[in-house]
Protein backbone atom coordinates (compact mmCIF):
# COMPACT_ATOMS: atom_id res chain seq x y z
CA MET A 1 39.24 -21.16 63.05
CA LYS A 2 36.21 -23.43 62.86
CA LYS A 3 33.99 -21.74 64.69
CA TYR A 4 35.08 -18.30 62.37
CA LEU A 5 34.27 -20.10 58.79
CA LEU A 6 30.78 -21.43 60.40
CA ILE A 7 30.31 -18.23 61.58
CA LEU A 8 31.60 -16.54 58.13
CA SER A 9 29.06 -19.12 56.48
CA VAL A 10 25.96 -18.56 58.16
CA ALA A 11 26.26 -15.27 57.49
CA GLY A 12 26.78 -15.27 54.26
CA MET A 13 23.69 -17.31 53.43
CA LEU A 14 21.37 -14.85 55.94
CA ILE A 15 22.72 -11.76 53.49
CA SER A 16 22.10 -13.88 50.09
CA CYS A 17 18.74 -15.27 51.56
CA CYS A 18 18.23 -11.46 52.42
CA GLY A 19 19.04 -10.04 49.06
CA LYS A 20 16.90 -12.73 47.30
CA GLY A 21 13.82 -11.62 49.44
CA ARG A 22 13.85 -7.68 49.12
CA LYS A 23 14.24 -8.94 44.49
CA ALA A 24 11.10 -10.67 45.11
CA SER A 25 9.55 -8.18 47.57
CA GLN A 26 10.55 -5.81 44.55
CA THR A 27 8.83 -7.35 42.07
CA GLU A 28 5.92 -8.34 43.98
CA GLU A 29 5.14 -4.38 44.99
CA ALA A 30 5.67 -3.65 40.72
CA ALA A 31 3.15 -6.51 39.89
CA ALA A 32 0.35 -4.65 42.61
CA THR A 33 1.09 -1.06 41.67
CA ALA A 34 -0.01 -2.07 38.01
CA VAL A 35 -2.78 -3.93 38.86
CA THR A 36 -3.71 -0.98 41.23
CA THR A 37 -2.82 1.66 38.89
CA GLY A 38 -3.09 -0.40 35.62
CA ILE A 39 -0.23 1.00 34.41
CA PRO A 40 1.87 -1.51 32.62
CA VAL A 41 5.53 -2.39 34.55
CA PRO A 42 7.95 -2.74 31.64
CA ASP A 43 9.82 -6.45 32.60
CA GLY A 44 12.62 -5.87 30.24
CA HIS A 45 11.59 -8.07 27.56
CA THR A 46 11.91 -7.68 24.08
CA ALA A 47 12.74 -8.19 20.63
CA GLU A 48 16.69 -8.61 21.06
CA THR A 49 16.22 -10.67 24.16
CA SER A 50 13.36 -12.81 23.82
CA LEU A 51 12.10 -12.84 19.61
CA ASP A 52 13.95 -15.58 17.92
CA TYR A 53 14.47 -12.44 15.17
CA LEU A 54 17.30 -14.13 12.65
CA GLY A 55 15.84 -15.82 9.52
CA THR A 56 14.16 -15.02 6.21
CA TYR A 57 10.89 -12.59 5.63
CA THR A 58 8.96 -12.16 2.70
CA GLY A 59 6.18 -9.82 1.40
CA THR A 60 5.14 -7.33 -1.42
CA LEU A 61 5.85 -3.62 0.08
CA PRO A 62 3.71 -1.09 -1.75
CA GLY A 63 5.65 0.72 -4.66
CA ALA A 64 4.93 4.60 -5.26
CA ASP A 65 4.55 3.75 -9.34
CA CYS A 66 3.93 -0.10 -9.37
CA PRO A 67 1.70 -2.00 -8.24
CA GLY A 68 4.38 -3.37 -5.42
CA ILE A 69 7.98 -4.76 -4.68
CA GLU A 70 8.52 -8.43 -4.05
CA THR A 71 10.60 -7.83 -0.97
CA THR A 72 12.99 -10.68 0.70
CA ILE A 73 15.23 -10.01 3.99
CA VAL A 74 17.74 -12.77 5.31
CA LEU A 75 18.76 -11.81 8.89
CA ALA A 76 22.09 -14.09 9.32
CA PRO A 77 23.58 -15.16 12.39
CA ASP A 78 26.71 -13.13 11.82
CA SER A 79 24.72 -9.81 12.25
CA THR A 80 24.35 -9.92 8.55
CA TYR A 81 21.94 -8.76 6.26
CA THR A 82 20.61 -9.38 2.40
CA LEU A 83 17.46 -7.41 1.25
CA HIS A 84 16.43 -8.04 -2.41
CA MET A 85 13.58 -6.07 -3.71
CA LYS A 86 12.19 -6.76 -7.06
CA TYR A 87 9.58 -3.90 -8.40
CA LEU A 88 6.61 -5.46 -10.00
CA GLU A 89 5.53 -4.79 -13.67
CA ARG A 90 8.83 -3.38 -14.50
CA ASN A 91 12.27 -4.77 -15.05
CA VAL A 92 14.07 -3.30 -12.25
CA VAL A 93 15.41 -5.94 -9.36
CA PHE A 94 17.87 -3.84 -6.16
CA ASP A 95 20.01 -5.57 -4.26
CA GLU A 96 21.91 -4.94 -0.64
CA LYS A 97 24.08 -6.39 1.77
CA GLY A 98 25.26 -5.29 5.12
CA SER A 99 25.14 -5.33 8.99
CA PHE A 100 22.22 -4.76 11.17
CA GLU A 101 21.74 -4.27 14.76
CA VAL A 102 18.35 -5.02 17.17
CA LYS A 103 17.80 -2.70 20.34
CA GLY A 104 15.02 -3.21 21.67
CA ASN A 105 12.53 -3.95 19.33
CA LEU A 106 14.08 -1.79 16.79
CA LEU A 107 16.17 -3.32 13.64
CA THR A 108 18.56 -0.92 11.43
CA LEU A 109 19.54 -2.30 8.66
CA THR A 110 23.08 -0.65 8.03
CA PRO A 111 24.44 -1.00 3.77
CA SER A 112 28.05 -1.99 3.85
CA ASP A 113 27.82 0.70 0.42
CA GLY A 114 27.30 3.83 2.97
CA GLY A 115 23.29 3.87 2.29
CA ARG A 116 21.23 5.10 3.89
CA PRO A 117 19.78 3.01 6.70
CA GLY A 118 16.20 0.79 6.69
CA TYR A 119 14.59 0.95 9.77
CA TYR A 120 11.63 -2.41 10.61
CA LYS A 121 9.62 -3.15 14.06
CA VAL A 122 10.86 -7.08 14.87
CA GLU A 123 7.25 -8.49 16.21
CA GLU A 124 6.24 -11.74 16.27
CA ASN A 125 7.51 -13.61 13.06
CA ARG A 126 7.43 -10.01 10.84
CA LEU A 127 8.85 -7.46 10.15
CA ARG A 128 7.05 -3.93 10.07
CA HIS A 129 8.98 -1.53 7.48
CA LEU A 130 9.08 2.11 9.30
CA ASP A 131 9.51 5.52 7.75
CA GLY A 132 12.82 7.14 7.81
CA ASP A 133 12.31 9.01 11.60
CA GLN A 134 12.03 5.28 13.22
CA GLN A 135 7.95 5.44 13.23
CA PRO A 136 5.38 3.40 12.03
CA ILE A 137 3.44 4.26 8.63
CA THR A 138 0.17 5.10 9.28
CA GLY A 139 -2.89 5.54 6.62
CA ASP A 140 -4.88 3.17 4.52
CA LEU A 141 -1.29 0.61 3.56
CA ALA A 142 -0.08 0.95 7.27
CA ASP A 143 -1.07 -3.42 7.10
CA HIS A 144 0.61 -3.35 3.77
CA TYR A 145 4.62 -2.58 5.54
CA LEU A 146 4.97 -6.77 6.77
CA LEU A 147 6.88 -8.95 5.86
CA GLN A 148 5.97 -12.25 7.12
CA LYS A 149 8.70 -14.76 8.56
CA LYS A 150 9.31 -17.86 6.55
CA SER A 151 9.51 -21.17 8.71
C-alpha cells in the first residue's frame, strides 16, 4: 500500500512539474514571437485588473455653448458613482448618481434614472471622456476631454 501511495505521489509531482514547464515555455515562445515580429502579445493587464481606478476625478470639459463644464466624478468601491457638472458662466448645475462597470479599459456610467450611459477610457490616474460610440474624441480639443484623479 505504501508503495502505491509513493508511486502516486511521484507521478503527481511529475505531472504538475511538466504542466508548469509547458506554461513557462508557452510564455517564452509568445515573448520570442513578439520580439521577432514586433507585434505585442497581450498580457491580460487591463484597467479592471491593474489600475486603482476608484476615487475622485476632476477637470473642465469643453462646453458647446459655454467656456467649459467643471466636472467631478466619484467612483465608489460599491460600484456606484456620483457625477457633478457645473456649467461655467451659467447658472446651471447637473448632478447624477448611478452604477458603473469597468470592462477592459472602458468605464461605463449608467444613471439610476434610466438616462443615457456615459463612457470613459480608464488611464493611469485619469479618465478620458469618450463619445456615444465609445470612441476617443478627436480634433483640436481632444486633450481637453481628460479628468485627473485627485490624490
